[in-house]
Amino acid sequence: MKIELIIELTIAPGVNPYRGEQTDPSEVEWFEDHLLADELILHSNLIGSEVGTVRVVKRSAT
């Protein structure tokens, strides 16, 4: 089964590589290559298991 979702991802402060003047290009590259990759695992703490995968279709930052 496939369900399309439009989501908003709030990045935790300790993980956020976008820090204005302090931005490290290598951290941004790693973040985008690994955490905004084609497929991410969607995990539910409620059930304690993987729910499925999320495929990144479009990215935009605000």
N, C-alpha and C. Protein backbone atom coordinates (compact mmCIF):
# COMPACT_ATOMS: atom_id res chain seq x y z
N MET A 1 0.84 -1.17 0.00
CA MET A 1 0.00 0.00 0.00
C MET A 1 0.89 1.24 0.00
N LYS A 2 0.49 2.28 -0.70
CA LYS A 2 1.25 3.51 -0.78
C LYS A 2 0.33 4.68 -0.46
N ILE A 3 0.77 5.55 0.44
CA ILE A 3 0.02 6.76 0.81
C ILE A 3 0.95 7.95 0.57
N GLU A 4 0.47 8.97 -0.14
CA GLU A 4 1.27 10.18 -0.34
C GLU A 4 1.05 11.13 0.82
N LEU A 5 2.16 11.65 1.37
CA LEU A 5 2.11 12.60 2.48
C LEU A 5 2.89 13.86 2.10
N ILE A 6 2.44 14.99 2.56
CA ILE A 6 3.23 16.21 2.51
C ILE A 6 3.58 16.49 3.96
N ILE A 7 4.87 16.53 4.26
CA ILE A 7 5.29 16.68 5.65
C ILE A 7 6.16 17.92 5.82
N GLU A 8 6.26 18.36 7.06
CA GLU A 8 7.19 19.41 7.43
C GLU A 8 8.14 18.79 8.45
N LEU A 9 9.42 18.87 8.18
CA LEU A 9 10.43 18.30 9.06
C LEU A 9 11.06 19.42 9.88
N THR A 10 10.94 19.33 11.20
CA THR A 10 11.62 20.27 12.09
C THR A 10 12.90 19.59 12.55
N ILE A 11 14.01 20.20 12.24
CA ILE A 11 15.31 19.61 12.54
C ILE A 11 15.73 19.99 13.96
N ALA A 12 16.12 19.00 14.74
CA ALA A 12 16.58 19.23 16.11
C ALA A 12 17.83 20.12 16.09
N PRO A 13 17.95 21.04 17.05
CA PRO A 13 19.08 21.98 17.07
C PRO A 13 20.45 21.29 17.00
N GLY A 14 20.61 20.17 17.65
CA GLY A 14 21.90 19.48 17.64
C GLY A 14 22.23 18.80 16.33
N VAL A 15 21.26 18.70 15.43
CA VAL A 15 21.45 18.02 14.15
C VAL A 15 21.49 19.01 13.00
N ASN A 16 20.97 20.21 13.20
CA ASN A 16 20.81 21.20 12.14
C ASN A 16 22.15 21.72 11.62
N PRO A 17 22.51 21.44 10.36
CA PRO A 17 23.77 21.93 9.82
C PRO A 17 23.67 23.35 9.27
N TYR A 18 22.46 23.89 9.15
CA TYR A 18 22.27 25.22 8.57
C TYR A 18 22.31 26.27 9.68
N ARG A 19 23.49 26.84 9.90
CA ARG A 19 23.67 27.76 11.02
C ARG A 19 24.16 29.13 10.55
N GLY A 20 23.66 29.62 9.46
CA GLY A 20 24.07 30.93 8.98
C GLY A 20 25.55 30.99 8.68
N GLU A 21 26.24 31.95 9.29
CA GLU A 21 27.67 32.14 9.04
C GLU A 21 28.51 30.97 9.55
N GLN A 22 27.99 30.20 10.50
CA GLN A 22 28.74 29.07 11.06
C GLN A 22 28.50 27.78 10.29
N THR A 23 27.78 27.85 9.18
CA THR A 23 27.48 26.66 8.39
C THR A 23 28.75 26.03 7.84
N ASP A 24 28.88 24.74 8.04
CA ASP A 24 30.01 23.98 7.53
C ASP A 24 29.52 23.23 6.29
N PRO A 25 30.05 23.55 5.10
CA PRO A 25 29.57 22.90 3.87
C PRO A 25 29.64 21.38 3.91
N SER A 26 30.65 20.81 4.58
CA SER A 26 30.74 19.34 4.64
C SER A 26 29.62 18.75 5.49
N GLU A 27 29.19 19.47 6.56
CA GLU A 27 28.07 19.01 7.38
C GLU A 27 26.77 19.07 6.59
N VAL A 28 26.59 20.13 5.83
CA VAL A 28 25.38 20.26 5.00
C VAL A 28 25.34 19.15 3.97
N GLU A 29 26.48 18.88 3.32
CA GLU A 29 26.54 17.81 2.32
C GLU A 29 26.19 16.46 2.95
N TRP A 30 26.76 16.14 4.12
CA TRP A 30 26.46 14.88 4.79
C TRP A 30 24.97 14.80 5.14
N PHE A 31 24.45 15.89 5.71
CA PHE A 31 23.03 15.93 6.11
C PHE A 31 22.12 15.67 4.92
N GLU A 32 22.37 16.37 3.82
CA GLU A 32 21.52 16.22 2.65
C GLU A 32 21.67 14.85 1.99
N ASP A 33 22.89 14.31 1.98
CA ASP A 33 23.13 13.01 1.36
C ASP A 33 22.58 11.85 2.18
N HIS A 34 22.57 11.99 3.51
CA HIS A 34 22.17 10.87 4.36
C HIS A 34 20.78 11.03 4.98
N LEU A 35 20.47 12.21 5.48
CA LEU A 35 19.19 12.39 6.17
C LEU A 35 18.08 12.87 5.24
N LEU A 36 18.44 13.45 4.12
CA LEU A 36 17.43 13.84 3.13
C LEU A 36 17.61 13.00 1.88
N ALA A 37 18.00 11.77 2.08
CA ALA A 37 18.26 10.85 0.99
C ALA A 37 16.95 10.45 0.31
N ASP A 38 17.07 9.62 -0.72
CA ASP A 38 15.90 9.21 -1.48
C ASP A 38 14.87 8.51 -0.61
N GLU A 39 15.31 7.65 0.31
CA GLU A 39 14.37 6.95 1.17
C GLU A 39 14.83 7.02 2.62
N LEU A 40 13.90 7.36 3.48
CA LEU A 40 14.15 7.42 4.92
C LEU A 40 13.25 6.41 5.61
N ILE A 41 13.70 5.88 6.72
CA ILE A 41 12.88 4.95 7.48
C ILE A 41 11.98 5.75 8.41
N LEU A 42 10.69 5.48 8.35
CA LEU A 42 9.72 6.11 9.24
C LEU A 42 9.50 5.17 10.42
N HIS A 43 9.84 5.64 11.62
CA HIS A 43 9.76 4.82 12.82
C HIS A 43 8.72 5.42 13.76
N SER A 44 7.94 4.58 14.40
CA SER A 44 6.96 5.04 15.38
C SER A 44 7.41 4.64 16.78
N ASN A 45 7.57 5.62 17.64
CA ASN A 45 7.88 5.32 19.04
C ASN A 45 6.67 4.70 19.73
N LEU A 46 5.48 5.01 19.24
CA LEU A 46 4.26 4.48 19.83
C LEU A 46 4.21 2.96 19.71
N ILE A 47 4.52 2.44 18.52
CA ILE A 47 4.49 0.98 18.35
C ILE A 47 5.88 0.36 18.48
N GLY A 48 6.91 1.21 18.55
CA GLY A 48 8.27 0.72 18.73
C GLY A 48 8.81 -0.04 17.54
N SER A 49 8.41 0.37 16.35
CA SER A 49 8.84 -0.35 15.16
C SER A 49 8.82 0.55 13.93
N GLU A 50 9.38 0.03 12.86
CA GLU A 50 9.36 0.72 11.58
C GLU A 50 7.96 0.67 11.00
N VAL A 51 7.50 1.81 10.50
CA VAL A 51 6.18 1.89 9.87
C VAL A 51 6.32 1.68 8.37
N GLY A 52 7.39 2.19 7.81
CA GLY A 52 7.63 2.09 6.37
C GLY A 52 8.76 3.02 5.98
N THR A 53 8.84 3.33 4.70
CA THR A 53 9.86 4.25 4.23
C THR A 53 9.20 5.50 3.65
N VAL A 54 9.93 6.59 3.72
CA VAL A 54 9.48 7.86 3.17
C VAL A 54 10.46 8.21 2.05
N ARG A 55 9.95 8.51 0.88
CA ARG A 55 10.77 8.89 -0.25
C ARG A 55 10.68 10.40 -0.42
N VAL A 56 11.83 11.06 -0.49
CA VAL A 56 11.87 12.50 -0.67
C VAL A 56 11.55 12.81 -2.13
N VAL A 57 10.47 13.56 -2.34
CA VAL A 57 10.03 13.91 -3.69
C VAL A 57 10.47 15.32 -4.04
N LYS A 58 10.35 16.23 -3.07
CA LYS A 58 10.68 17.63 -3.29
C LYS A 58 11.17 18.22 -1.98
N ARG A 59 12.18 19.09 -2.07
CA ARG A 59 12.71 19.74 -0.87
C ARG A 59 12.61 21.25 -1.02
N SER A 60 12.28 21.92 0.07
CA SER A 60 12.37 23.38 0.13
C SER A 60 12.62 23.75 1.59
N ALA A 61 13.37 24.79 1.80
CA ALA A 61 13.69 25.22 3.17
C ALA A 61 13.13 26.61 3.41
N THR A 62 12.71 26.84 4.64
CA THR A 62 12.23 28.16 5.01
C THR A 62 13.00 28.69 6.19
